[in-house]
C-alpha atoms as a PDB file:
ATOM      1  CA  MET A   1      82.730 -13.741   6.098  1.00  0.00           C
ATOM      2  CA  THR A   2      86.228 -15.271   7.238  1.00  0.00           C
ATOM      3  CA  LYS A   3      88.196 -17.867   5.385  1.00  0.00           C
ATOM      4  CA  LYS A   4      87.022 -20.399   7.928  1.00  0.00           C
ATOM      5  CA  THR A   5      83.565 -19.500   7.582  1.00  0.00           C
ATOM      6  CA  ASP A   6      83.611 -19.570   3.880  1.00  0.00           C
ATOM      7  CA  ARG A   7      85.077 -23.077   4.118  1.00  0.00           C
ATOM      8  CA  GLN A   8      82.424 -24.203   6.269  1.00  0.00           C
ATOM      9  CA  ASP A   9      79.490 -22.681   4.226  1.00  0.00           C
ATOM     10  CA  ILE A  10      80.790 -24.233   1.095  1.00  0.00           C
ATOM     11  CA  LYS A  11      81.295 -27.899   2.814  1.00  0.00           C
ATOM     12  CA  TRP A  12      77.592 -27.369   4.054  1.00  0.00           C
ATOM     13  CA  ARG A  13      76.576 -26.699   0.500  1.00  0.00           C
ATOM     14  CA  ILE A  14      78.353 -29.610  -0.954  1.00  0.00           C
ATOM     15  CA  ALA A  15      77.136 -32.056   1.637  1.00  0.00           C
ATOM     16  CA  ARG A  16      73.382 -30.815   1.092  1.00  0.00           C
ATOM     17  CA  GLU A  17      74.233 -31.952  -2.486  1.00  0.00           C
ATOM     18  CA  ILE A  18      75.129 -35.476  -2.108  1.00  0.00           C
ATOM     19  CA  PRO A  19      71.611 -37.094  -2.389  1.00  0.00           C
ATOM     20  CA  HIS A  20      71.353 -35.505  -5.522  1.00  0.00           C
ATOM     21  CA  LEU A  21      74.870 -36.551  -6.820  1.00  0.00           C
ATOM     22  CA  ARG A  22      74.167 -39.974  -5.905  1.00  0.00           C
ATOM     23  CA  ARG A  23      70.999 -40.160  -7.858  1.00  0.00           C
ATOM     24  CA  PHE A  24      72.509 -38.737 -10.955  1.00  0.00           C
ATOM     25  CA  ALA A  25      75.466 -40.885 -10.422  1.00  0.00           C
ATOM     26  CA  ARG A  26      73.624 -44.232 -10.172  1.00  0.00           C
ATOM     27  CA  SER A  27      71.503 -43.428 -12.991  1.00  0.00           C
ATOM     28  CA  LEU A  28      74.725 -42.774 -15.208  1.00  0.00           C
ATOM     29  CA  VAL A  29      76.690 -45.836 -14.033  1.00  0.00           C
ATOM     30  CA  GLY A  30      73.929 -48.343 -13.357  1.00  0.00           C
ATOM     31  CA  ASP A  31      75.514 -49.827 -10.142  1.00  0.00           C
ATOM     32  CA  GLN A  32      75.296 -48.816  -6.878  1.00  0.00           C
ATOM     33  CA  ASP A  33      79.092 -49.220  -5.762  1.00  0.00           C
ATOM     34  CA  ARG A  34      80.326 -47.495  -8.842  1.00  0.00           C
ATOM     35  CA  ALA A  35      77.804 -44.650  -8.324  1.00  0.00           C
ATOM     36  CA  ASP A  36      79.405 -44.471  -4.551  1.00  0.00           C
ATOM     37  CA  ASP A  37      82.407 -44.108  -5.767  1.00  0.00           C
ATOM     38  CA  LEU A  38      82.159 -41.781  -8.379  1.00  0.00           C
ATOM     39  CA  VAL A  39      80.381 -39.590  -5.738  1.00  0.00           C
ATOM     40  CA  GLN A  40      83.431 -40.041  -3.373  1.00  0.00           C
ATOM     41  CA  ASP A  41      85.563 -38.930  -6.297  1.00  0.00           C
ATOM     42  CA  CYS A  42      83.455 -35.959  -6.884  1.00  0.00           C
ATOM     43  CA  LEU A  43      83.372 -34.801  -3.151  1.00  0.00           C
ATOM     44  CA  GLU A  44      86.809 -35.165  -2.640  1.00  0.00           C
ATOM     45  CA  ARG A  45      87.731 -33.019  -5.856  1.00  0.00           C
ATOM     46  CA  ALA A  46      85.058 -30.377  -4.604  1.00  0.00           C
ATOM     47  CA  ILE A  47      86.532 -30.225  -1.305  1.00  0.00           C
ATOM     48  CA  ARG A  48      89.856 -29.960  -2.672  1.00  0.00           C
ATOM     49  CA  LYS A  49      89.113 -27.281  -5.488  1.00  0.00           C
ATOM     50  CA  GLN A  50      86.522 -25.349  -3.417  1.00  0.00           C
ATOM     51  CA  HIS A  51      88.440 -22.345  -4.040  1.00  0.00           C
ATOM     52  CA  LEU A  52      87.457 -22.795  -7.817  1.00  0.00           C
ATOM     53  CA  TRP A  53      83.568 -22.140  -7.049  1.00  0.00           C
ATOM     54  CA  HIS A  54      83.443 -18.350  -7.220  1.00  0.00           C
ATOM     55  CA  ARG A  55      79.694 -18.166  -5.773  1.00  0.00           C
ATOM     56  CA  THR A  56      78.250 -17.712  -9.053  1.00  0.00           C
ATOM     57  CA  GLY A  57      75.604 -20.383 -10.268  1.00  0.00           C
ATOM     58  CA  SER A  58      74.804 -23.148  -8.082  1.00  0.00           C
ATOM     59  CA  VAL A  59      76.641 -25.473  -6.120  1.00  0.00           C
ATOM     60  CA  ARG A  60      74.372 -27.979  -7.789  1.00  0.00           C
ATOM     61  CA  SER A  61      75.655 -27.278 -11.198  1.00  0.00           C
ATOM     62  CA  TRP A  62      79.271 -27.081 -10.471  1.00  0.00           C
ATOM     63  CA  MET A  63      79.119 -30.144  -8.481  1.00  0.00           C
ATOM     64  CA  PHE A  64      76.974 -32.051 -11.216  1.00  0.00           C
ATOM     65  CA  ARG A  65      79.444 -30.895 -13.971  1.00  0.00           C
ATOM     66  CA  MET A  66      82.494 -31.963 -11.733  1.00  0.00           C
ATOM     67  CA  LEU A  67      80.579 -35.804 -11.621  1.00  0.00           C
ATOM     68  CA  TYR A  68      79.748 -35.797 -15.349  1.00  0.00           C
ATOM     69  CA  ASN A  69      83.356 -34.830 -16.231  1.00  0.00           C
ATOM     70  CA  LEU A  70      84.879 -37.754 -13.789  1.00  0.00           C
ATOM     71  CA  PHE A  71      82.077 -39.999 -15.312  1.00  0.00           C
ATOM     72  CA  LEU A  72      83.278 -39.172 -18.849  1.00  0.00           C
ATOM     73  CA  ASN A  73      87.002 -40.083 -17.673  1.00  0.00           C
ATOM     74  CA  GLN A  74      85.949 -43.065 -16.583  1.00  0.00           C
ATOM     75  CA  CYS A  75      84.155 -43.948 -19.845  1.00  0.00           C
ATOM     76  CA  ARG A  76      86.975 -42.995 -22.179  1.00  0.00           C
ATOM     77  CA  SER A  77      89.484 -44.806 -19.822  1.00  0.00           C
ATOM     78  CA  LYS A  78      87.425 -48.074 -19.433  1.00  0.00           C
ATOM     79  CA  ARG A  79      85.409 -48.304 -22.586  1.00  0.00           C
ATOM     80  CA  GLY A  80      82.774 -50.487 -20.836  1.00  0.00           C
ATOM     81  CA  GLU A  81      79.073 -50.440 -21.028  1.00  0.00           C
ATOM     82  CA  ILE A  82      77.488 -48.172 -18.928  1.00  0.00           C
ATOM     83  CA  ARG A  83      74.004 -48.907 -17.611  1.00  0.00           C
ATOM     84  CA  VAL A  84      71.460 -46.979 -16.363  1.00  0.00           C
ATOM     85  CA  GLU A  85      70.081 -48.265 -13.067  1.00  0.00           C
ATOM     86  CA  ASP A  86      66.328 -49.634 -13.294  1.00  0.00           C
ATOM     87  CA  VAL A  87      64.354 -46.226 -12.682  1.00  0.00           C
ATOM     88  CA  ALA A  88      61.864 -48.338 -10.795  1.00  0.00           C
ATOM     89  CA  ASP A  89      64.330 -49.131  -8.184  1.00  0.00           C
ATOM     90  CA  MET A  90      65.008 -45.386  -7.460  1.00  0.00           C
ATOM     91  CA  GLN A  91      63.000 -43.498  -4.639  1.00  0.00           C
ATOM     92  CA  LEU A  92      60.133 -42.339  -6.192  1.00  0.00           C
ATOM     93  CA  SER A  93      57.885 -39.439  -4.636  1.00  0.00           C
ATOM     94  CA  VAL A  94      54.910 -41.605  -4.905  1.00  0.00           C
ATOM     95  CA  PRO A  95      54.675 -45.660  -4.761  1.00  0.00           C
ATOM     96  CA  ALA A  96      54.206 -46.853  -8.045  1.00  0.00           C
ATOM     97  CA  ASP A  97      52.066 -49.945  -8.935  1.00  0.00           C
ATOM     98  CA  GLN A  98      53.512 -52.950 -10.590  1.00  0.00           C
ATOM     99  CA  GLU A  99      52.229 -51.865 -14.233  1.00  0.00           C
ATOM    100  CA  ASN A 100      54.224 -48.523 -13.598  1.00  0.00           C
ATOM    101  CA  LYS A 101      57.237 -50.241 -12.534  1.00  0.00           C
ATOM    102  CA  MET A 102      57.745 -52.568 -15.296  1.00  0.00           C
ATOM    103  CA  ALA A 103      57.076 -49.693 -17.625  1.00  0.00           C
ATOM    104  CA  CYS A 104      59.826 -47.778 -15.887  1.00  0.00           C
ATOM    105  CA  ARG A 105      61.966 -50.736 -16.034  1.00  0.00           C
ATOM    106  CA  ASP A 106      61.446 -50.772 -19.719  1.00  0.00           C
ATOM    107  CA  ILE A 107      62.251 -47.333 -20.325  1.00  0.00           C
ATOM    108  CA  GLY A 108      65.399 -47.557 -17.953  1.00  0.00           C
ATOM    109  CA  ASP A 109      66.425 -50.451 -20.542  1.00  0.00           C
ATOM    110  CA  ALA A 110      65.628 -48.240 -23.502  1.00  0.00           C
ATOM    111  CA  LEU A 111      67.648 -45.477 -21.975  1.00  0.00           C
ATOM    112  CA  ASN A 112      70.629 -47.705 -21.610  1.00  0.00           C
ATOM    113  CA  LEU A 113      70.731 -47.846 -25.502  1.00  0.00           C
ATOM    114  CA  LEU A 114      71.051 -44.357 -25.798  1.00  0.00           C
ATOM    115  CA  PRO A 115      74.432 -42.896 -26.156  1.00  0.00           C
ATOM    116  CA  PRO A 116      76.026 -41.223 -23.049  1.00  0.00           C
ATOM    117  CA  GLU A 117      75.775 -37.645 -24.174  1.00  0.00           C
ATOM    118  CA  GLN A 118      71.926 -38.227 -24.885  1.00  0.00           C
ATOM    119  CA  LYS A 119      71.320 -39.976 -21.733  1.00  0.00           C
ATOM    120  CA  ALA A 120      72.912 -37.318 -19.695  1.00  0.00           C
ATOM    121  CA  VAL A 121      70.888 -34.687 -20.916  1.00  0.00           C
ATOM    122  CA  ILE A 122      67.642 -36.311 -20.270  1.00  0.00           C
ATOM    123  CA  LEU A 123      68.835 -37.363 -16.903  1.00  0.00           C
ATOM    124  CA  LEU A 124      69.612 -33.906 -15.699  1.00  0.00           C
ATOM    125  CA  VAL A 125      66.402 -32.588 -17.295  1.00  0.00           C
ATOM    126  CA  ALA A 126      63.877 -35.180 -16.859  1.00  0.00           C
ATOM    127  CA  LEU A 127      65.118 -36.804 -13.562  1.00  0.00           C
ATOM    128  CA  GLU A 128      67.002 -33.963 -11.964  1.00  0.00           C
ATOM    129  CA  GLY A 129      64.728 -31.163 -13.219  1.00  0.00           C
ATOM    130  CA  VAL A 130      67.460 -28.715 -14.157  1.00  0.00           C
ATOM    131  CA  SER A 131      66.844 -25.947 -16.549  1.00  0.00           C
ATOM    132  CA  TYR A 132      68.474 -26.092 -20.375  1.00  0.00           C
ATOM    133  CA  ASP A 133      70.949 -23.083 -19.081  1.00  0.00           C
ATOM    134  CA  GLU A 134      72.080 -25.195 -16.125  1.00  0.00           C
ATOM    135  CA  ALA A 135      72.320 -28.794 -17.944  1.00  0.00           C
ATOM    136  CA  ALA A 136      74.496 -26.878 -20.623  1.00  0.00           C
ATOM    137  CA  GLU A 137      76.640 -25.462 -17.929  1.00  0.00           C
ATOM    138  CA  ILE A 138      77.063 -29.058 -16.185  1.00  0.00           C
ATOM    139  CA  LEU A 139      78.099 -30.508 -19.359  1.00  0.00           C
ATOM    140  CA  GLY A 140      80.316 -27.780 -20.490  1.00  0.00           C
ATOM    141  CA  THR A 141      78.098 -27.441 -23.875  1.00  0.00           C
ATOM    142  CA  ALA A 142      75.590 -24.750 -25.565  1.00  0.00           C
ATOM    143  CA  VAL A 143      72.055 -24.503 -24.611  1.00  0.00           C
ATOM    144  CA  GLY A 144      71.115 -25.166 -28.554  1.00  0.00           C
ATOM    145  CA  THR A 145      73.373 -28.750 -27.775  1.00  0.00           C
ATOM    146  CA  VAL A 146      71.317 -29.528 -24.952  1.00  0.00           C
ATOM    147  CA  ARG A 147      68.193 -29.042 -26.631  1.00  0.00           C
ATOM    148  CA  SER A 148      69.510 -31.007 -29.668  1.00  0.00           C
ATOM    149  CA  ARG A 149      70.616 -33.853 -27.839  1.00  0.00           C
ATOM    150  CA  LEU A 150      67.534 -33.951 -25.496  1.00  0.00           C
ATOM    151  CA  SER A 151      64.976 -33.947 -28.787  1.00  0.00           C
ATOM    152  CA  ARG A 152      67.177 -36.638 -30.431  1.00  0.00           C
ATOM    153  CA  GLY A 153      67.268 -38.624 -27.324  1.00  0.00           C
ATOM    154  CA  ARG A 154      63.548 -38.377 -26.766  1.00  0.00           C
ATOM    155  CA  ASP A 155      63.068 -39.338 -30.365  1.00  0.00           C
ATOM    156  CA  GLN A 156      65.251 -42.394 -29.928  1.00  0.00           C
ATOM    157  CA  LEU A 157      63.614 -43.257 -26.924  1.00  0.00           C
ATOM    158  CA  ARG A 158      60.170 -43.297 -28.385  1.00  0.00           C
ATOM    159  CA  GLY A 159      61.619 -45.298 -31.214  1.00  0.00           C
ATOM    160  CA  LEU A 160      63.254 -48.054 -28.824  1.00  0.00           C
ATOM    161  CA  TYR A 161      60.463 -48.054 -26.186  1.00  0.00           C
ATOM    162  CA  SER A 162      57.278 -49.115 -27.728  1.00  0.00           C
ATOM    163  CA  GLY A 163      55.029 -48.953 -24.854  1.00  0.00           C
ATOM    164  CA  ASP A 164      53.776 -52.509 -24.955  1.00  0.00           C
ATOM    165  CA  GLY A 165      56.580 -53.757 -22.926  1.00  0.00           C
ATOM    166  CA  LYS A 166      59.046 -54.645 -25.532  1.00  0.00           C
ATOM    167  CA  VAL A 167      62.225 -52.555 -26.008  1.00  0.00           C
ATOM    168  CA  GLN A 168      63.936 -52.769 -29.645  1.00  0.00           C
ATOM    169  CA  LEU A 169      67.299 -54.050 -28.424  1.00  0.00           C
ATOM    170  CA  ARG A 170      69.715 -52.126 -30.707  1.00  0.00           C
ATOM    171  CA  ARG A 171      72.461 -49.847 -29.715  1.00  0.00           C
ATOM    172  CA  VAL A 172      71.793 -46.460 -30.910  1.00  0.00           C
ATOM    173  CA  LYS A 173      74.698 -44.492 -32.405  1.00  0.00           C
END
């Protein structure tokens, strides 16, 4: 392939990932405008640094890692509360009834109380369906750490979400 064809190919691959990036970003920051800004920053960086993707691994993993690193940088600089958008408001593959929407909202509230590292692992594995290996690559950590964070995060969610519509409103450390 020529350099021009390579650039067009990577741009096409990047463009295909935008819906996934938007969903992940919205889950991380909880606000559509902030999520769009985060995705925009990620896309700009991906285009600027497209030469760093060496066609090993998936473009999605590379971009999710970039987006997650940008998110962490924002967390460090702002130290503000990071909220997960209500899961009930996201596009679901099947329409949910009212009871399911309320349960999703409650789980989203409980998810908001988790540390960002546990929240990111749960979102990647449960919402985006990435493998443990891929999540480890995205988060820049070992697979064992991903499994540990996922297990601890799930345990914390069970403790926070009682299933009766009540979320124990306490920040998990």
